[in-house]
Amino acid sequence: MLKDLITDSGTGQLSHTKIWANVAYASSTIGFLYAVYKGTAGAEIWFAYLGIVGASATASKLLSLKFGGKKE
């Protein structure tokens, strides 16, 4: 659901972290697609874009696995 992109799953309240992460993803994707459309996206741009987006998603998942568990 689109609501899950900007709200915390537990509380349903707006999450500033999710909002700004999705703003960053959207703006970098638009910039990347524009560079591809103009033909100026070389291999460096592809690796940078995919590395940043992939690394961010991977780091986020690892942090949530490590620190997002139930408190005892």
PDB file of N, CA and C in Angstrom:
ATOM      1  N   MET A   1       0.830  -1.166   0.000  1.00  0.00           N
ATOM      2  CA  MET A   1       0.000   0.000   0.000  1.00  0.00           C
ATOM      3  C   MET A   1       0.890   1.249   0.000  1.00  0.00           C
ATOM      4  N   LEU A   2       0.488   2.282  -0.681  1.00  0.00           N
ATOM      5  CA  LEU A   2       1.288   3.502  -0.766  1.00  0.00           C
ATOM      6  C   LEU A   2       1.477   4.164   0.595  1.00  0.00           C
ATOM      7  N   LYS A   3       0.516   4.007   1.477  1.00  0.00           N
ATOM      8  CA  LYS A   3       0.610   4.595   2.810  1.00  0.00           C
ATOM      9  C   LYS A   3       1.833   4.064   3.560  1.00  0.00           C
ATOM     10  N   ASP A   4       2.216   2.820   3.280  1.00  0.00           N
ATOM     11  CA  ASP A   4       3.356   2.206   3.960  1.00  0.00           C
ATOM     12  C   ASP A   4       4.687   2.852   3.586  1.00  0.00           C
ATOM     13  N   LEU A   5       4.715   3.607   2.490  1.00  0.00           N
ATOM     14  CA  LEU A   5       5.944   4.283   2.086  1.00  0.00           C
ATOM     15  C   LEU A   5       6.296   5.445   3.006  1.00  0.00           C
ATOM     16  N   ILE A   6       5.316   5.978   3.722  1.00  0.00           N
ATOM     17  CA  ILE A   6       5.573   7.169   4.537  1.00  0.00           C
ATOM     18  C   ILE A   6       5.157   7.025   5.999  1.00  0.00           C
ATOM     19  N   THR A   7       4.633   5.872   6.396  1.00  0.00           N
ATOM     20  CA  THR A   7       4.208   5.699   7.785  1.00  0.00           C
ATOM     21  C   THR A   7       4.926   4.522   8.432  1.00  0.00           C
ATOM     22  N   ASP A   8       5.023   4.591   9.753  1.00  0.00           N
ATOM     23  CA  ASP A   8       5.569   3.471  10.516  1.00  0.00           C
ATOM     24  C   ASP A   8       4.554   2.343  10.530  1.00  0.00           C
ATOM     25  N   SER A   9       5.039   1.124  10.385  1.00  0.00           N
ATOM     26  CA  SER A   9       4.113  -0.002  10.326  1.00  0.00           C
ATOM     27  C   SER A   9       3.458  -0.282  11.679  1.00  0.00           C
ATOM     28  N   GLY A  10       4.154  -0.020  12.774  1.00  0.00           N
ATOM     29  CA  GLY A  10       3.596  -0.312  14.080  1.00  0.00           C
ATOM     30  C   GLY A  10       2.589   0.713  14.559  1.00  0.00           C
ATOM     31  N   THR A  11       2.902   1.996  14.342  1.00  0.00           N
ATOM     32  CA  THR A  11       2.055   3.051  14.898  1.00  0.00           C
ATOM     33  C   THR A  11       1.124   3.681  13.877  1.00  0.00           C
ATOM     34  N   GLY A  12       1.471   3.613  12.625  1.00  0.00           N
ATOM     35  CA  GLY A  12       0.665   4.251  11.589  1.00  0.00           C
ATOM     36  C   GLY A  12       0.906   5.748  11.470  1.00  0.00           C
ATOM     37  N   GLN A  13       1.860   6.276  12.251  1.00  0.00           N
ATOM     38  CA  GLN A  13       2.171   7.699  12.194  1.00  0.00           C
ATOM     39  C   GLN A  13       3.176   7.975  11.086  1.00  0.00           C
ATOM     40  N   LEU A  14       3.197   9.237  10.632  1.00  0.00           N
ATOM     41  CA  LEU A  14       4.155   9.624   9.606  1.00  0.00           C
ATOM     42  C   LEU A  14       5.575   9.394  10.089  1.00  0.00           C
ATOM     43  N   SER A  15       6.406   8.894   9.213  1.00  0.00           N
ATOM     44  CA  SER A  15       7.802   8.641   9.523  1.00  0.00           C
ATOM     45  C   SER A  15       8.666   9.569   8.679  1.00  0.00           C
ATOM     46  N   HIS A  16       9.346  10.500   9.336  1.00  0.00           N
ATOM     47  CA  HIS A  16      10.211  11.433   8.608  1.00  0.00           C
ATOM     48  C   HIS A  16      11.340  10.696   7.897  1.00  0.00           C
ATOM     49  N   THR A  17      11.828   9.645   8.502  1.00  0.00           N
ATOM     50  CA  THR A  17      12.888   8.853   7.879  1.00  0.00           C
ATOM     51  C   THR A  17      12.416   8.248   6.569  1.00  0.00           C
ATOM     52  N   LYS A  18      11.234   7.657   6.573  1.00  0.00           N
ATOM     53  CA  LYS A  18      10.708   7.053   5.345  1.00  0.00           C
ATOM     54  C   LYS A  18      10.388   8.108   4.295  1.00  0.00           C
ATOM     55  N   ILE A  19       9.829   9.228   4.730  1.00  0.00           N
ATOM     56  CA  ILE A  19       9.493  10.295   3.773  1.00  0.00           C
ATOM     57  C   ILE A  19      10.738  10.766   3.051  1.00  0.00           C
ATOM     58  N   TRP A  20      11.788  11.129   3.817  1.00  0.00           N
ATOM     59  CA  TRP A  20      12.984  11.679   3.187  1.00  0.00           C
ATOM     60  C   TRP A  20      13.780  10.638   2.414  1.00  0.00           C
ATOM     61  N   ALA A  21      13.755   9.394   2.850  1.00  0.00           N
ATOM     62  CA  ALA A  21      14.418   8.342   2.072  1.00  0.00           C
ATOM     63  C   ALA A  21      13.734   8.184   0.722  1.00  0.00           C
ATOM     64  N   ASN A  22      12.407   8.209   0.702  1.00  0.00           N
ATOM     65  CA  ASN A  22      11.688   8.067  -0.561  1.00  0.00           C
ATOM     66  C   ASN A  22      11.822   9.303  -1.440  1.00  0.00           C
ATOM     67  N   VAL A  23      11.934  10.485  -0.842  1.00  0.00           N
ATOM     68  CA  VAL A  23      12.206  11.702  -1.619  1.00  0.00           C
ATOM     69  C   VAL A  23      13.588  11.584  -2.281  1.00  0.00           C
ATOM     70  N   ALA A  24      14.564  11.104  -1.525  1.00  0.00           N
ATOM     71  CA  ALA A  24      15.913  10.932  -2.080  1.00  0.00           C
ATOM     72  C   ALA A  24      15.928   9.900  -3.199  1.00  0.00           C
ATOM     73  N   TYR A  25      15.243   8.771  -2.995  1.00  0.00           N
ATOM     74  CA  TYR A  25      15.172   7.753  -4.046  1.00  0.00           C
ATOM     75  C   TYR A  25      14.494   8.300  -5.300  1.00  0.00           C
ATOM     76  N   ALA A  26      13.405   9.011  -5.118  1.00  0.00           N
ATOM     77  CA  ALA A  26      12.659   9.541  -6.267  1.00  0.00           C
ATOM     78  C   ALA A  26      13.481  10.569  -7.023  1.00  0.00           C
ATOM     79  N   SER A  27      14.127  11.483  -6.310  1.00  0.00           N
ATOM     80  CA  SER A  27      14.893  12.523  -7.002  1.00  0.00           C
ATOM     81  C   SER A  27      16.115  11.940  -7.705  1.00  0.00           C
ATOM     82  N   SER A  28      16.795  10.975  -7.076  1.00  0.00           N
ATOM     83  CA  SER A  28      17.940  10.365  -7.742  1.00  0.00           C
ATOM     84  C   SER A  28      17.498   9.523  -8.934  1.00  0.00           C
ATOM     85  N   THR A  29      16.359   8.883  -8.838  1.00  0.00           N
ATOM     86  CA  THR A  29      15.843   8.099  -9.962  1.00  0.00           C
ATOM     87  C   THR A  29      15.471   9.006 -11.129  1.00  0.00           C
ATOM     88  N   ILE A  30      14.847  10.129 -10.841  1.00  0.00           N
ATOM     89  CA  ILE A  30      14.493  11.080 -11.907  1.00  0.00           C
ATOM     90  C   ILE A  30      15.753  11.604 -12.576  1.00  0.00           C
ATOM     91  N   GLY A  31      16.755  11.974 -11.784  1.00  0.00           N
ATOM     92  CA  GLY A  31      18.025  12.437 -12.349  1.00  0.00           C
ATOM     93  C   GLY A  31      18.708  11.370 -13.181  1.00  0.00           C
ATOM     94  N   PHE A  32      18.685  10.133 -12.694  1.00  0.00           N
ATOM     95  CA  PHE A  32      19.290   9.024 -13.425  1.00  0.00           C
ATOM     96  C   PHE A  32      18.560   8.777 -14.743  1.00  0.00           C
ATOM     97  N   LEU A  33      17.231   8.751 -14.696  1.00  0.00           N
ATOM     98  CA  LEU A  33      16.456   8.520 -15.911  1.00  0.00           C
ATOM     99  C   LEU A  33      16.658   9.641 -16.923  1.00  0.00           C
ATOM    100  N   TYR A  34      16.801  10.867 -16.442  1.00  0.00           N
ATOM    101  CA  TYR A  34      17.068  12.000 -17.341  1.00  0.00           C
ATOM    102  C   TYR A  34      18.423  11.823 -18.029  1.00  0.00           C
ATOM    103  N   ALA A  35      19.432  11.400 -17.268  1.00  0.00           N
ATOM    104  CA  ALA A  35      20.757  11.173 -17.851  1.00  0.00           C
ATOM    105  C   ALA A  35      20.717  10.043 -18.874  1.00  0.00           C
ATOM    106  N   VAL A  36      19.953   9.007 -18.596  1.00  0.00           N
ATOM    107  CA  VAL A  36      19.809   7.906 -19.555  1.00  0.00           C
ATOM    108  C   VAL A  36      19.086   8.399 -20.802  1.00  0.00           C
ATOM    109  N   TYR A  37      18.043   9.185 -20.618  1.00  0.00           N
ATOM    110  CA  TYR A  37      17.283   9.724 -21.754  1.00  0.00           C
ATOM    111  C   TYR A  37      18.160  10.607 -22.637  1.00  0.00           C
ATOM    112  N   LYS A  38      18.988  11.422 -22.021  1.00  0.00           N
ATOM    113  CA  LYS A  38      19.871  12.319 -22.779  1.00  0.00           C
ATOM    114  C   LYS A  38      21.081  11.589 -23.360  1.00  0.00           C
ATOM    115  N   GLY A  39      21.332  10.368 -22.916  1.00  0.00           N
ATOM    116  CA  GLY A  39      22.465   9.599 -23.423  1.00  0.00           C
ATOM    117  C   GLY A  39      23.781   9.942 -22.746  1.00  0.00           C
ATOM    118  N   THR A  40      23.718  10.581 -21.595  1.00  0.00           N
ATOM    119  CA  THR A  40      24.943  10.969 -20.901  1.00  0.00           C
ATOM    120  C   THR A  40      25.281  10.055 -19.727  1.00  0.00           C
ATOM    121  N   ALA A  41      24.516   9.013 -19.554  1.00  0.00           N
ATOM    122  CA  ALA A  41      24.758   8.103 -18.432  1.00  0.00           C
ATOM    123  C   ALA A  41      25.715   7.006 -18.871  1.00  0.00           C
ATOM    124  N   GLY A  42      26.976   7.171 -18.497  1.00  0.00           N
ATOM    125  CA  GLY A  42      27.968   6.152 -18.780  1.00  0.00           C
ATOM    126  C   GLY A  42      27.942   5.072 -17.711  1.00  0.00           C
ATOM    127  N   ALA A  43      28.900   4.187 -17.789  1.00  0.00           N
ATOM    128  CA  ALA A  43      28.981   3.087 -16.829  1.00  0.00           C
ATOM    129  C   ALA A  43      29.161   3.599 -15.407  1.00  0.00           C
ATOM    130  N   GLU A  44      29.894   4.712 -15.256  1.00  0.00           N
ATOM    131  CA  GLU A  44      30.120   5.260 -13.913  1.00  0.00           C
ATOM    132  C   GLU A  44      28.803   5.690 -13.266  1.00  0.00           C
ATOM    133  N   ILE A  45      27.929   6.312 -14.056  1.00  0.00           N
ATOM    134  CA  ILE A  45      26.637   6.759 -13.529  1.00  0.00           C
ATOM    135  C   ILE A  45      25.784   5.552 -13.146  1.00  0.00           C
ATOM    136  N   TRP A  46      25.780   4.519 -13.980  1.00  0.00           N
ATOM    137  CA  TRP A  46      25.023   3.309 -13.673  1.00  0.00           C
ATOM    138  C   TRP A  46      25.518   2.679 -12.368  1.00  0.00           C
ATOM    139  N   PHE A  47      26.836   2.520 -12.240  1.00  0.00           N
ATOM    140  CA  PHE A  47      27.383   1.903 -11.026  1.00  0.00           C
ATOM    141  C   PHE A  47      27.119   2.765  -9.795  1.00  0.00           C
ATOM    142  N   ALA A  48      27.247   4.069  -9.928  1.00  0.00           N
ATOM    143  CA  ALA A  48      27.005   4.957  -8.791  1.00  0.00           C
ATOM    144  C   ALA A  48      25.541   4.882  -8.359  1.00  0.00           C
ATOM    145  N   TYR A  49      24.637   4.999  -9.315  1.00  0.00           N
ATOM    146  CA  TYR A  49      23.206   4.968  -8.981  1.00  0.00           C
ATOM    147  C   TYR A  49      22.818   3.632  -8.350  1.00  0.00           C
ATOM    148  N   LEU A  50      23.163   2.543  -9.006  1.00  0.00           N
ATOM    149  CA  LEU A  50      22.790   1.226  -8.488  1.00  0.00           C
ATOM    150  C   LEU A  50      23.495   0.919  -7.166  1.00  0.00           C
ATOM    151  N   GLY A  51      24.734   1.371  -7.030  1.00  0.00           N
ATOM    152  CA  GLY A  51      25.461   1.152  -5.782  1.00  0.00           C
ATOM    153  C   GLY A  51      24.868   1.922  -4.625  1.00  0.00           C
ATOM    154  N   ILE A  52      24.500   3.173  -4.866  1.00  0.00           N
ATOM    155  CA  ILE A  52      23.936   3.989  -3.796  1.00  0.00           C
ATOM    156  C   ILE A  52      22.565   3.479  -3.394  1.00  0.00           C
ATOM    157  N   VAL A  53      21.702   3.237  -4.363  1.00  0.00           N
ATOM    158  CA  VAL A  53      20.356   2.758  -4.042  1.00  0.00           C
ATOM    159  C   VAL A  53      20.420   1.363  -3.426  1.00  0.00           C
ATOM    160  N   GLY A  54      21.220   0.479  -3.995  1.00  0.00           N
ATOM    161  CA  GLY A  54      21.347  -0.880  -3.469  1.00  0.00           C
ATOM    162  C   GLY A  54      21.995  -0.913  -2.099  1.00  0.00           C
ATOM    163  N   ALA A  55      23.048  -0.121  -1.913  1.00  0.00           N
ATOM    164  CA  ALA A  55      23.732  -0.088  -0.620  1.00  0.00           C
ATOM    165  C   ALA A  55      22.834   0.501   0.455  1.00  0.00           C
ATOM    166  N   SER A  56      22.067   1.501   0.101  1.00  0.00           N
ATOM    167  CA  SER A  56      21.156   2.106   1.071  1.00  0.00           C
ATOM    168  C   SER A  56      20.087   1.109   1.505  1.00  0.00           C
ATOM    169  N   ALA A  57      19.519   0.405   0.570  1.00  0.00           N
ATOM    170  CA  ALA A  57      18.488  -0.586   0.901  1.00  0.00           C
ATOM    171  C   ALA A  57      19.083  -1.731   1.726  1.00  0.00           C
ATOM    172  N   THR A  58      20.276  -2.165   1.372  1.00  0.00           N
ATOM    173  CA  THR A  58      20.928  -3.252   2.103  1.00  0.00           C
ATOM    174  C   THR A  58      21.279  -2.817   3.520  1.00  0.00           C
ATOM    175  N   ALA A  59      21.843  -1.617   3.658  1.00  0.00           N
ATOM    176  CA  ALA A  59      22.192  -1.116   4.993  1.00  0.00           C
ATOM    177  C   ALA A  59      20.948  -0.947   5.856  1.00  0.00           C
ATOM    178  N   SER A  60      19.890  -0.446   5.264  1.00  0.00           N
ATOM    179  CA  SER A  60      18.649  -0.274   6.006  1.00  0.00           C
ATOM    180  C   SER A  60      18.117  -1.619   6.500  1.00  0.00           C
ATOM    181  N   LYS A  61      18.153  -2.613   5.652  1.00  0.00           N
ATOM    182  CA  LYS A  61      17.663  -3.942   6.024  1.00  0.00           C
ATOM    183  C   LYS A  61      18.528  -4.555   7.126  1.00  0.00           C
ATOM    184  N   LEU A  62      19.843  -4.428   6.995  1.00  0.00           N
ATOM    185  CA  LEU A  62      20.735  -4.977   8.012  1.00  0.00           C
ATOM    186  C   LEU A  62      20.530  -4.296   9.361  1.00  0.00           C
ATOM    187  N   LEU A  63      20.379  -2.980   9.356  1.00  0.00           N
ATOM    188  CA  LEU A  63      20.154  -2.259  10.608  1.00  0.00           C
ATOM    189  C   LEU A  63      18.825  -2.637  11.242  1.00  0.00           C
ATOM    190  N   SER A  64      17.803  -2.804  10.409  1.00  0.00           N
ATOM    191  CA  SER A  64      16.510  -3.183  10.982  1.00  0.00           C
ATOM    192  C   SER A  64      16.550  -4.601  11.533  1.00  0.00           C
ATOM    193  N   LEU A  65      17.324  -5.480  10.913  1.00  0.00           N
ATOM    194  CA  LEU A  65      17.458  -6.835  11.442  1.00  0.00           C
ATOM    195  C   LEU A  65      18.222  -6.845  12.761  1.00  0.00           C
ATOM    196  N   LYS A  66      19.257  -6.006  12.853  1.00  0.00           N
ATOM    197  CA  LYS A  66      20.087  -5.986  14.056  1.00  0.00           C
ATOM    198  C   LYS A  66      19.406  -5.263  15.211  1.00  0.00           C
ATOM    199  N   PHE A  67      18.786  -4.115  14.932  1.00  0.00           N
ATOM    200  CA  PHE A  67      18.274  -3.281  16.013  1.00  0.00           C
ATOM    201  C   PHE A  67      16.743  -3.202  16.057  1.00  0.00           C
ATOM    202  N   GLY A  68      16.080  -3.808  15.115  1.00  0.00           N
ATOM    203  CA  GLY A  68      14.624  -3.686  15.060  1.00  0.00           C
ATOM    204  C   GLY A  68      13.863  -4.800  15.744  1.00  0.00           C
ATOM    205  N   GLY A  69      14.583  -5.664  16.442  1.00  0.00           N
ATOM    206  CA  GLY A  69      13.915  -6.793  17.084  1.00  0.00           C
ATOM    207  C   GLY A  69      13.133  -6.402  18.328  1.00  0.00           C
ATOM    208  N   LYS A  70      12.442  -7.371  18.889  1.00  0.00           N
ATOM    209  CA  LYS A  70      11.658  -7.139  20.107  1.00  0.00           C
ATOM    210  C   LYS A  70      12.592  -6.922  21.282  1.00  0.00           C
ATOM    211  N   LYS A  71      12.212  -6.024  22.145  1.00  0.00           N
ATOM    212  CA  LYS A  71      13.000  -5.777  23.347  1.00  0.00           C
ATOM    213  C   LYS A  71      12.608  -6.774  24.425  1.00  0.00           C
ATOM    214  N   GLU A  72      13.625  -7.257  25.109  1.00  0.00           N
ATOM    215  CA  GLU A  72      13.375  -8.260  26.162  1.00  0.00           C
ATOM    216  C   GLU A  72      13.401  -7.628  27.523  1.00  0.00           C
TER     217      GLU A  72
END
